[in-house]
Protein backbone atom coordinates (compact mmCIF):
# COMPACT_ATOMS: atom_id res chain seq x y z
CA MET A 1 0.00 0.00 0.00
CA ASP A 2 1.44 3.39 -0.97
CA ASN A 3 1.66 5.69 2.07
CA GLU A 4 1.69 8.84 -0.07
CA THR A 5 -1.46 7.93 -1.99
CA ASN A 6 -3.49 6.89 1.02
CA GLY A 7 -2.47 9.72 3.35
CA VAL A 8 -1.04 7.27 5.87
CA ALA A 9 1.20 8.87 8.45
CA ASP A 10 4.87 7.98 8.21
CA GLU A 11 5.05 6.97 11.88
CA VAL A 12 2.46 4.21 11.53
CA ALA A 13 3.58 0.64 11.07
CA GLY A 14 1.67 -2.58 10.95
CA GLY A 15 0.35 -5.38 8.80
CA GLU A 16 -1.62 -4.77 5.65
CA VAL A 17 -4.83 -6.51 4.73
CA ALA A 18 -4.15 -8.50 1.61
CA ASP A 19 -7.43 -9.78 0.26
CA ASP A 20 -10.17 -8.63 -2.09
CA GLU A 21 -12.52 -7.74 0.79
CA ALA A 22 -10.21 -5.07 2.23
CA TYR A 23 -11.56 -1.57 2.77
CA VAL A 24 -9.39 0.99 0.98
CA ASP A 25 -9.25 4.65 1.93
CA ASP A 26 -10.32 6.63 -1.15
CA GLY A 27 -9.42 9.99 0.38
CA ASN A 28 -12.88 11.51 -0.10
CA TRP A 29 -12.79 12.64 3.53
CA ARG A 30 -10.07 15.24 2.89
CA GLY A 31 -11.35 18.78 3.43
CA LYS A 32 -14.63 17.56 4.97
CA ASN A 33 -15.66 18.92 8.36
CA TYR A 34 -16.56 15.47 9.72
CA SER A 35 -12.94 14.33 9.51
CA PHE A 36 -11.58 16.76 12.14
CA PHE A 37 -12.86 18.14 15.44
CA ALA A 38 -10.91 20.13 18.03
CA HIS A 39 -12.68 20.44 21.38
CA THR A 40 -10.62 23.43 22.51
CA SER A 41 -12.86 24.12 25.52
CA CYS A 42 -12.20 20.65 26.95
CA GLU A 43 -10.34 20.82 30.26
CA TYR A 44 -7.85 18.26 28.95
CA PHE A 45 -7.17 19.85 25.55
CA PRO A 46 -4.75 18.83 24.22
CA CYS A 47 -4.55 15.65 26.26
CA HIS A 48 -1.08 14.65 25.03
CA ASP A 49 1.93 16.69 26.18
CA ASN A 50 3.73 16.25 22.86
CA ALA A 51 0.79 17.53 20.77
CA SER A 52 0.43 20.66 18.70
CA PRO A 53 -2.91 22.32 19.56
CA ASP A 54 -3.17 23.66 15.99
CA ASP A 55 -3.52 20.18 14.46
CA PHE A 56 -4.97 18.16 17.33
CA SER A 57 -8.16 16.31 16.49
CA CYS A 58 -10.44 15.11 19.27
CA LEU A 59 -12.60 13.14 16.85
CA PHE A 60 -11.13 9.85 18.07
CA CYS A 61 -10.84 10.88 21.73
CA PHE A 62 -10.78 7.19 22.58
CA CYS A 63 -8.81 5.55 19.82
CA PRO A 64 -10.86 2.93 17.96
CA LEU A 65 -7.60 1.06 17.29
CA TYR A 66 -6.73 0.63 20.99
CA LEU A 67 -8.31 -2.81 21.20
CA LEU A 68 -6.20 -4.05 18.30
CA GLY A 69 -3.36 -4.34 20.83
CA THR A 70 0.02 -4.74 19.16
CA GLU A 71 -1.61 -4.46 15.71
CA CYS A 72 -2.91 -0.90 16.23
CA GLY A 73 0.03 0.71 14.42
CA GLY A 74 0.47 3.49 16.94
CA ASN A 75 3.16 4.59 19.36
CA TYR A 76 2.40 2.69 22.58
CA VAL A 77 4.11 0.87 25.43
CA TYR A 78 2.89 -1.71 27.90
CA THR A 79 3.34 -0.82 31.56
CA LYS A 80 4.81 -3.22 34.11
CA LYS A 81 1.23 -4.11 35.05
CA GLY A 82 0.42 -5.05 31.44
CA VAL A 83 -1.70 -1.98 30.64
CA LYS A 84 -1.35 -0.49 27.18
CA SER A 85 -0.28 3.15 27.47
CA CYS A 86 -0.74 5.45 24.48
CA HIS A 87 0.33 8.67 26.20
CA LYS A 88 2.91 9.44 23.48
CA CYS A 89 0.75 8.38 20.53
CA LEU A 90 -0.69 11.07 18.28
CA VAL A 91 -1.85 8.83 15.42
CA PRO A 92 -5.61 9.27 16.03
CA HIS A 93 -5.20 12.98 16.78
CA LYS A 94 -3.58 14.18 13.54
CA SER A 95 -5.91 15.43 10.84
CA LYS A 96 -4.01 13.56 8.11
CA ASN A 97 -4.74 10.22 9.80
CA TYR A 98 -8.55 10.11 9.54
CA GLY A 99 -8.39 7.80 6.53
CA LEU A 100 -5.81 5.60 8.21
CA ILE A 101 -7.97 5.14 11.32
CA ILE A 102 -11.07 4.26 9.30
CA GLU A 103 -9.12 1.91 7.03
CA ARG A 104 -7.36 0.04 9.87
CA TYR A 105 -10.60 -0.22 11.85
CA MET A 106 -12.59 -1.48 8.88
CA ASN A 107 -9.86 -4.00 8.07
CA SER A 108 -9.56 -5.36 11.60
CA LYS A 109 -10.42 -9.04 11.83
CA GLU A 110 -13.56 -8.27 13.80
CA MET A 111 -14.93 -5.75 11.31
CA ARG A 112 -14.02 -7.88 8.28
CA HIS A 113 -15.86 -10.80 9.91
CA ALA A 114 -18.90 -8.59 10.58
CA ARG A 115 -18.96 -7.36 6.95
CA ILE A 116 -18.78 -10.93 5.64
CA LYS A 117 -21.76 -11.98 7.84
CA ARG A 118 -24.08 -9.33 6.32
């Protein structure tokens, strides 16, 4: 998959979905208001210390990729207690990553299984 064409952030790594049923980001979301939301009046905004408030999207306040564990593609660590910590991850908060989030979510095993069942 070509990172330039699909608007995928350079810092994201992870497996690709390699079958005919894969959802592919067509980029139609670019420039649309629904693809970015900054809740600047939130008491936690921005909630990541390493974030730029000018390009910080709150749309995915709770990352839909979190439950993918090690396959999420973000910048995470596991604490000594085994809890996944995403405190340094900005993948779901950058405006250029909307397509990436939707694509990875739609291509997760769970979502692919749900689409096949329909």
